[in-house]
């Protein structure tokens, strides 16, 4: 019986500590939402061109794709984070990459320059007997 009373008192003490922590705990301060840094049109075009190059050549690494633009990988990743923070820009990038993929697809190239194939035979004409 004494053990049971000690157990109940321990539970009450733990509950009191839990309630006091919940009541007296300082509220989290709301941080002012910082505006997402703007992305210039040239930065966006650079981002699209890097991914376009990698889309055209699947063996190309990100470092190799960045080399002509003389941009460090960390700087590119920061640019990527800024773009990912703005859904409108993400959609522009997706659309640009999709348009490029469609333009360079095997189907699009086949439609653009059809290869001459065998010409179908002309239909036979039946002559009426007089």
N, C-alpha and C. Protein backbone atom coordinates (compact mmCIF):
# COMPACT_ATOMS: atom_id res chain seq x y z
N UNK A 1 0.82 -1.17 0.00
CA UNK A 1 0.00 0.00 0.00
C UNK A 1 0.88 1.26 0.00
N UNK A 2 1.96 1.23 0.76
CA UNK A 2 2.87 2.38 0.82
C UNK A 2 3.55 2.57 -0.53
N UNK A 3 3.86 1.47 -1.18
CA UNK A 3 4.48 1.56 -2.51
C UNK A 3 3.51 2.22 -3.49
N UNK A 4 2.25 1.89 -3.38
CA UNK A 4 1.25 2.45 -4.28
C UNK A 4 1.12 3.95 -4.04
N UNK A 5 1.16 4.37 -2.78
CA UNK A 5 1.05 5.80 -2.46
C UNK A 5 2.30 6.53 -2.99
N UNK A 6 3.47 5.96 -2.83
CA UNK A 6 4.70 6.56 -3.35
C UNK A 6 4.64 6.69 -4.88
N UNK A 7 4.12 5.65 -5.53
CA UNK A 7 3.98 5.67 -6.99
C UNK A 7 3.04 6.78 -7.43
N UNK A 8 1.91 6.94 -6.73
CA UNK A 8 0.95 7.99 -7.07
C UNK A 8 1.57 9.36 -6.81
N UNK A 9 2.29 9.52 -5.70
CA UNK A 9 2.94 10.79 -5.41
C UNK A 9 4.01 11.12 -6.47
N UNK A 10 4.74 10.11 -6.91
CA UNK A 10 5.74 10.32 -7.96
C UNK A 10 5.07 10.77 -9.26
N UNK A 11 3.96 10.13 -9.60
CA UNK A 11 3.24 10.53 -10.81
C UNK A 11 2.71 11.95 -10.67
N UNK A 12 2.19 12.31 -9.51
CA UNK A 12 1.69 13.67 -9.30
C UNK A 12 2.83 14.70 -9.40
N UNK A 13 3.98 14.35 -8.84
CA UNK A 13 5.13 15.25 -8.91
C UNK A 13 5.57 15.45 -10.36
N UNK A 14 5.62 14.37 -11.13
CA UNK A 14 6.00 14.46 -12.55
C UNK A 14 4.96 15.27 -13.33
N UNK A 15 3.69 15.07 -13.02
CA UNK A 15 2.64 15.83 -13.69
C UNK A 15 2.76 17.31 -13.36
N UNK A 16 3.08 17.63 -12.09
CA UNK A 16 3.23 19.03 -11.70
C UNK A 16 4.40 19.67 -12.42
N UNK A 17 5.49 18.94 -12.55
CA UNK A 17 6.65 19.46 -13.28
C UNK A 17 6.28 19.69 -14.74
N UNK A 18 5.59 18.73 -15.32
CA UNK A 18 5.18 18.87 -16.72
C UNK A 18 4.27 20.06 -16.95
N UNK A 19 3.31 20.27 -16.04
CA UNK A 19 2.39 21.40 -16.18
C UNK A 19 3.15 22.71 -15.99
N UNK A 20 4.04 22.77 -15.01
CA UNK A 20 4.78 24.01 -14.79
C UNK A 20 5.69 24.35 -15.97
N UNK A 21 6.28 23.35 -16.57
CA UNK A 21 7.12 23.59 -17.75
C UNK A 21 6.25 24.12 -18.89
N UNK A 22 5.07 23.54 -19.07
CA UNK A 22 4.19 23.98 -20.15
C UNK A 22 3.67 25.39 -19.91
N UNK A 23 3.38 25.72 -18.65
CA UNK A 23 2.80 27.03 -18.34
C UNK A 23 3.87 28.12 -18.36
N UNK A 24 5.01 27.87 -17.77
CA UNK A 24 6.02 28.90 -17.61
C UNK A 24 7.08 28.91 -18.72
N UNK A 25 6.94 28.03 -19.64
CA UNK A 25 7.89 27.98 -20.75
C UNK A 25 7.69 29.22 -21.63
N UNK A 26 8.76 29.91 -21.95
CA UNK A 26 8.58 31.10 -22.78
C UNK A 26 8.10 30.72 -24.18
N UNK A 27 7.21 31.52 -24.68
CA UNK A 27 6.68 31.28 -26.02
C UNK A 27 7.76 31.56 -27.05
N UNK A 28 7.71 30.82 -28.09
CA UNK A 28 8.67 31.03 -29.17
C UNK A 28 8.40 32.37 -29.82
N UNK A 29 9.44 33.10 -30.02
CA UNK A 29 9.27 34.39 -30.67
C UNK A 29 9.07 34.16 -32.16
N UNK A 30 8.11 34.87 -32.67
CA UNK A 30 7.88 34.75 -34.10
C UNK A 30 8.93 35.56 -34.82
N UNK A 31 9.61 34.90 -35.69
CA UNK A 31 10.62 35.59 -36.47
C UNK A 31 9.94 36.30 -37.62
N UNK A 32 10.42 37.46 -37.90
CA UNK A 32 9.88 38.16 -39.06
C UNK A 32 10.27 37.39 -40.30
N UNK A 33 9.30 37.20 -41.14
CA UNK A 33 9.60 36.48 -42.37
C UNK A 33 10.44 37.37 -43.26
N UNK A 34 11.62 36.89 -43.51
CA UNK A 34 12.48 37.62 -44.43
C UNK A 34 11.99 37.38 -45.84
N UNK A 35 12.02 38.43 -46.60
CA UNK A 35 11.65 38.24 -48.00
C UNK A 35 12.70 37.36 -48.66
N UNK A 36 12.22 36.48 -49.50
CA UNK A 36 13.19 35.63 -50.20
C UNK A 36 14.00 36.52 -51.13
N UNK A 37 15.29 36.30 -51.16
CA UNK A 37 16.12 37.13 -52.03
C UNK A 37 15.67 36.99 -53.48
N UNK A 38 15.70 38.08 -54.16
CA UNK A 38 15.25 38.05 -55.54
C UNK A 38 16.28 37.34 -56.41
N UNK A 39 15.78 36.80 -57.49
CA UNK A 39 16.63 36.11 -58.45
C UNK A 39 16.56 36.91 -59.74
N UNK A 40 17.70 37.36 -60.21
CA UNK A 40 17.73 38.15 -61.43
C UNK A 40 17.43 37.24 -62.63
N UNK A 41 17.04 37.87 -63.70
CA UNK A 41 16.74 37.12 -64.92
C UNK A 41 17.99 36.41 -65.44
N UNK A 42 19.14 37.06 -65.31
CA UNK A 42 20.39 36.43 -65.78
C UNK A 42 20.74 35.21 -64.91
N UNK A 43 20.49 35.30 -63.60
CA UNK A 43 20.73 34.15 -62.72
C UNK A 43 19.80 33.00 -63.09
N UNK A 44 18.56 33.33 -63.39
CA UNK A 44 17.59 32.29 -63.76
C UNK A 44 18.00 31.63 -65.08
N UNK A 45 18.45 32.42 -66.04
CA UNK A 45 18.89 31.86 -67.32
C UNK A 45 20.13 31.01 -67.16
N UNK A 46 21.03 31.42 -66.26
CA UNK A 46 22.22 30.62 -65.98
C UNK A 46 21.82 29.28 -65.39
N UNK A 47 20.90 29.30 -64.45
CA UNK A 47 20.41 28.07 -63.81
C UNK A 47 19.80 27.13 -64.85
N UNK A 48 18.98 27.69 -65.72
CA UNK A 48 18.34 26.89 -66.77
C UNK A 48 19.39 26.35 -67.74
N UNK A 49 20.37 27.16 -68.09
CA UNK A 49 21.38 26.70 -69.06
C UNK A 49 22.24 25.58 -68.48
N UNK A 50 22.53 25.63 -67.19
CA UNK A 50 23.32 24.57 -66.56
C UNK A 50 22.53 23.26 -66.60
N UNK A 51 21.27 23.31 -66.21
CA UNK A 51 20.48 22.09 -66.23
C UNK A 51 20.16 21.64 -67.65
N UNK A 52 20.06 22.57 -68.58
CA UNK A 52 19.86 22.20 -69.99
C UNK A 52 21.06 21.44 -70.52
N UNK A 53 22.24 21.92 -70.18
CA UNK A 53 23.47 21.26 -70.63
C UNK A 53 23.53 19.84 -70.06
N UNK A 54 23.14 19.69 -68.81
CA UNK A 54 23.16 18.37 -68.20
C UNK A 54 22.06 17.48 -68.78
N UNK A 55 20.98 18.09 -69.23
CA UNK A 55 19.90 17.33 -69.84
C UNK A 55 20.32 16.83 -71.23
N UNK A 56 21.08 17.64 -71.94
CA UNK A 56 21.55 17.24 -73.27
C UNK A 56 22.63 16.18 -73.19
N UNK A 57 23.50 16.28 -72.20
CA UNK A 57 24.61 15.33 -72.06
C UNK A 57 24.53 14.74 -70.66
N UNK A 58 24.01 13.54 -70.55
CA UNK A 58 23.79 12.91 -69.25
C UNK A 58 25.10 12.52 -68.56
N UNK A 59 26.21 12.52 -69.28
CA UNK A 59 27.50 12.20 -68.68
C UNK A 59 28.14 13.43 -68.03
N UNK A 60 27.55 14.60 -68.26
CA UNK A 60 28.10 15.85 -67.75
C UNK A 60 27.81 15.97 -66.26
N UNK A 61 28.84 16.29 -65.49
CA UNK A 61 28.66 16.51 -64.06
C UNK A 61 28.29 17.97 -63.82
N UNK A 62 27.80 18.25 -62.63
CA UNK A 62 27.42 19.63 -62.31
C UNK A 62 28.64 20.54 -62.36
N UNK A 63 29.79 20.04 -61.92
CA UNK A 63 31.01 20.85 -61.97
C UNK A 63 31.40 21.17 -63.41
N UNK A 64 31.26 20.20 -64.29
CA UNK A 64 31.58 20.43 -65.70
C UNK A 64 30.60 21.39 -66.34
N UNK A 65 29.34 21.30 -65.94
CA UNK A 65 28.33 22.19 -66.50
C UNK A 65 28.52 23.62 -66.00
N UNK A 66 29.07 23.78 -64.81
CA UNK A 66 29.30 25.11 -64.25
C UNK A 66 30.59 25.75 -64.75
N UNK A 67 31.52 24.95 -65.23
CA UNK A 67 32.83 25.45 -65.64
C UNK A 67 32.75 26.60 -66.65
N UNK A 68 31.94 26.52 -67.71
CA UNK A 68 31.90 27.64 -68.66
C UNK A 68 31.35 28.92 -68.05
N UNK A 69 30.59 28.80 -66.98
CA UNK A 69 29.97 29.97 -66.35
C UNK A 69 30.84 30.53 -65.23
N UNK A 70 31.94 29.85 -64.92
CA UNK A 70 32.88 30.27 -63.89
C UNK A 70 32.16 30.56 -62.57
N UNK A 71 31.38 29.57 -62.14
CA UNK A 71 30.61 29.71 -60.91
C UNK A 71 30.94 28.54 -59.99
N UNK A 72 31.11 28.83 -58.72
CA UNK A 72 31.41 27.79 -57.75
C UNK A 72 30.14 26.98 -57.45
N UNK A 73 30.33 25.74 -57.09
CA UNK A 73 29.20 24.87 -56.80
C UNK A 73 28.37 25.41 -55.64
N UNK A 74 29.02 25.92 -54.60
CA UNK A 74 28.29 26.48 -53.46
C UNK A 74 27.42 27.67 -53.87
N UNK A 75 27.94 28.52 -54.74
CA UNK A 75 27.16 29.65 -55.22
C UNK A 75 25.96 29.17 -56.04
N UNK A 76 26.18 28.14 -56.83
CA UNK A 76 25.08 27.60 -57.62
C UNK A 76 24.01 27.00 -56.72
N UNK A 77 24.43 26.31 -55.68
CA UNK A 77 23.45 25.72 -54.75
C UNK A 77 22.67 26.81 -54.01
N UNK A 78 23.31 27.92 -53.69
CA UNK A 78 22.58 29.03 -53.07
C UNK A 78 21.56 29.61 -54.05
N UNK A 79 21.95 29.74 -55.29
CA UNK A 79 21.01 30.20 -56.32
C UNK A 79 19.86 29.22 -56.44
N UNK A 80 20.17 27.94 -56.40
CA UNK A 80 19.13 26.92 -56.50
C UNK A 80 18.14 27.04 -55.33
N UNK A 81 18.64 27.28 -54.13
CA UNK A 81 17.76 27.44 -52.96
C UNK A 81 16.86 28.66 -53.11
N UNK A 82 17.41 29.75 -53.63
CA UNK A 82 16.59 30.95 -53.84
C UNK A 82 15.50 30.69 -54.87
N UNK A 83 15.84 29.95 -55.92
CA UNK A 83 14.84 29.64 -56.94
C UNK A 83 13.78 28.70 -56.38
N UNK A 84 14.22 27.68 -55.62
CA UNK A 84 13.27 26.72 -55.05
C UNK A 84 12.32 27.39 -54.06
N UNK A 85 12.71 28.53 -53.50
CA UNK A 85 11.84 29.24 -52.56
C UNK A 85 10.74 30.03 -53.24
N UNK A 86 10.76 30.07 -54.56
CA UNK A 86 9.75 30.85 -55.29
C UNK A 86 9.07 29.95 -56.31
N UNK A 87 7.87 29.48 -55.99
CA UNK A 87 7.18 28.52 -56.86
C UNK A 87 7.00 29.01 -58.31
N UNK A 88 6.85 30.31 -58.49
CA UNK A 88 6.69 30.83 -59.85
C UNK A 88 7.96 30.58 -60.67
N UNK A 89 9.12 30.76 -60.05
CA UNK A 89 10.38 30.51 -60.76
C UNK A 89 10.61 29.03 -60.99
N UNK A 90 10.20 28.21 -60.03
CA UNK A 90 10.34 26.76 -60.21
C UNK A 90 9.53 26.32 -61.42
N UNK A 91 8.34 26.88 -61.57
CA UNK A 91 7.51 26.52 -62.71
C UNK A 91 8.13 27.00 -64.03
N UNK A 92 8.74 28.18 -64.02
CA UNK A 92 9.42 28.66 -65.23
C UNK A 92 10.57 27.75 -65.62
N UNK A 93 11.33 27.30 -64.63
CA UNK A 93 12.46 26.40 -64.91
C UNK A 93 11.93 25.08 -65.46
N UNK A 94 10.92 24.54 -64.84
CA UNK A 94 10.34 23.27 -65.32
C UNK A 94 9.87 23.39 -66.76
N UNK A 95 9.17 24.48 -67.04
CA UNK A 95 8.64 24.66 -68.39
C UNK A 95 9.77 24.81 -69.40
N UNK A 96 10.81 25.56 -69.05
CA UNK A 96 11.94 25.74 -69.97
C UNK A 96 12.63 24.41 -70.24
N UNK A 97 12.84 23.61 -69.21
CA UNK A 97 13.50 22.31 -69.39
C UNK A 97 12.61 21.35 -70.16
N UNK A 98 11.31 21.42 -69.92
CA UNK A 98 10.38 20.57 -70.65
C UNK A 98 10.35 20.94 -72.13
N UNK A 99 10.33 22.25 -72.41
CA UNK A 99 10.34 22.70 -73.80
C UNK A 99 11.61 22.24 -74.51
N UNK A 100 12.74 22.33 -73.81
CA UNK A 100 13.99 21.90 -74.42
C UNK A 100 13.98 20.39 -74.65
N UNK A 101 13.46 19.64 -73.69
CA UNK A 101 13.41 18.18 -73.84
C UNK A 101 12.53 17.80 -75.03
N UNK A 102 11.42 18.50 -75.18
CA UNK A 102 10.53 18.21 -76.31
C UNK A 102 11.21 18.55 -77.63
N UNK A 103 11.93 19.66 -77.65
CA UNK A 103 12.59 20.09 -78.89
C UNK A 103 13.71 19.15 -79.29
N UNK A 104 14.34 18.50 -78.33
CA UNK A 104 15.47 17.64 -78.63
C UNK A 104 15.14 16.15 -78.56
N UNK A 105 13.85 15.85 -78.44
CA UNK A 105 13.48 14.44 -78.36
C UNK A 105 13.62 13.78 -79.73
N UNK A 106 13.75 12.49 -79.74
CA UNK A 106 13.88 11.75 -81.00
C UNK A 106 12.63 11.89 -81.83
N UNK A 107 11.48 11.93 -81.18
CA UNK A 107 10.22 12.07 -81.90
C UNK A 107 10.15 13.43 -82.58
N UNK A 108 10.54 14.49 -81.86
CA UNK A 108 10.49 15.84 -82.44
C UNK A 108 11.46 15.96 -83.61
N UNK A 109 12.62 15.34 -83.50
CA UNK A 109 13.59 15.40 -84.58
C UNK A 109 13.11 14.60 -85.78
N UNK A 110 12.40 13.50 -85.55
CA UNK A 110 11.89 12.70 -86.66
C UNK A 110 10.78 13.44 -87.39
N UNK A 111 9.95 14.16 -86.65
CA UNK A 111 8.86 14.92 -87.26
C UNK A 111 9.41 16.12 -88.01
N UNK A 112 10.45 16.75 -87.47
CA UNK A 112 11.02 17.93 -88.10
C UNK A 112 11.71 17.60 -89.42
N UNK A 113 12.37 16.47 -89.49
CA UNK A 113 13.05 16.10 -90.74
C UNK A 113 12.70 14.65 -91.08
N UNK A 114 11.55 14.47 -91.70
CA UNK A 114 11.15 13.11 -92.01
C UNK A 114 12.09 12.49 -93.05
N UNK A 115 12.39 11.25 -92.86
CA UNK A 115 13.25 10.56 -93.83
C UNK A 115 12.36 10.05 -94.95
N UNK A 116 12.84 10.19 -96.15
CA UNK A 116 12.02 9.71 -97.27
C UNK A 116 11.94 8.19 -97.24
N UNK A 117 10.73 7.73 -97.28
CA UNK A 117 10.51 6.30 -97.28
C UNK A 117 9.97 5.87 -98.63
N UNK A 118 9.62 4.62 -98.75
CA UNK A 118 9.06 4.17 -100.03
C UNK A 118 7.73 4.85 -100.27
N UNK A 119 7.55 5.22 -101.52
CA UNK A 119 6.27 5.86 -101.87
C UNK A 119 5.22 4.77 -102.06
N UNK A 120 4.04 5.03 -101.58
CA UNK A 120 2.99 4.02 -101.73
C UNK A 120 2.62 3.83 -103.20
N UNK A 121 2.27 2.65 -103.60
CA UNK A 121 1.91 2.42 -105.01
C UNK A 121 0.59 3.12 -105.32
N UNK A 122 0.49 3.51 -106.57
CA UNK A 122 -0.75 4.17 -106.98
C UNK A 122 -1.84 3.13 -107.09
N UNK A 123 -3.05 3.50 -106.76
CA UNK A 123 -4.14 2.53 -106.83
C UNK A 123 -4.40 2.13 -108.29
N UNK A 124 -4.74 0.87 -108.48
CA UNK A 124 -5.05 0.38 -109.82
C UNK A 124 -6.43 0.87 -110.22
N UNK A 125 -6.51 1.24 -111.46
CA UNK A 125 -7.81 1.72 -111.96
C UNK A 125 -8.41 0.61 -112.81
N UNK A 126 -9.61 0.36 -112.55
CA UNK A 126 -10.32 -0.67 -113.32
C UNK A 126 -10.95 -0.02 -114.53
N UNK A 127 -10.75 -0.70 -115.67
CA UNK A 127 -11.35 -0.19 -116.91
C UNK A 127 -12.67 -0.88 -117.13
N UNK A 128 -13.55 -0.11 -117.56
CA UNK A 128 -14.86 -0.68 -117.89
C UNK A 128 -14.79 -1.27 -119.29
N UNK A 129 -15.34 -2.43 -119.46
CA UNK A 129 -15.36 -3.04 -120.78
C UNK A 129 -16.57 -2.51 -121.55
N UNK A 130 -16.34 -2.14 -122.83
CA UNK A 130 -17.48 -1.63 -123.62
C UNK A 130 -18.42 -2.71 -124.06
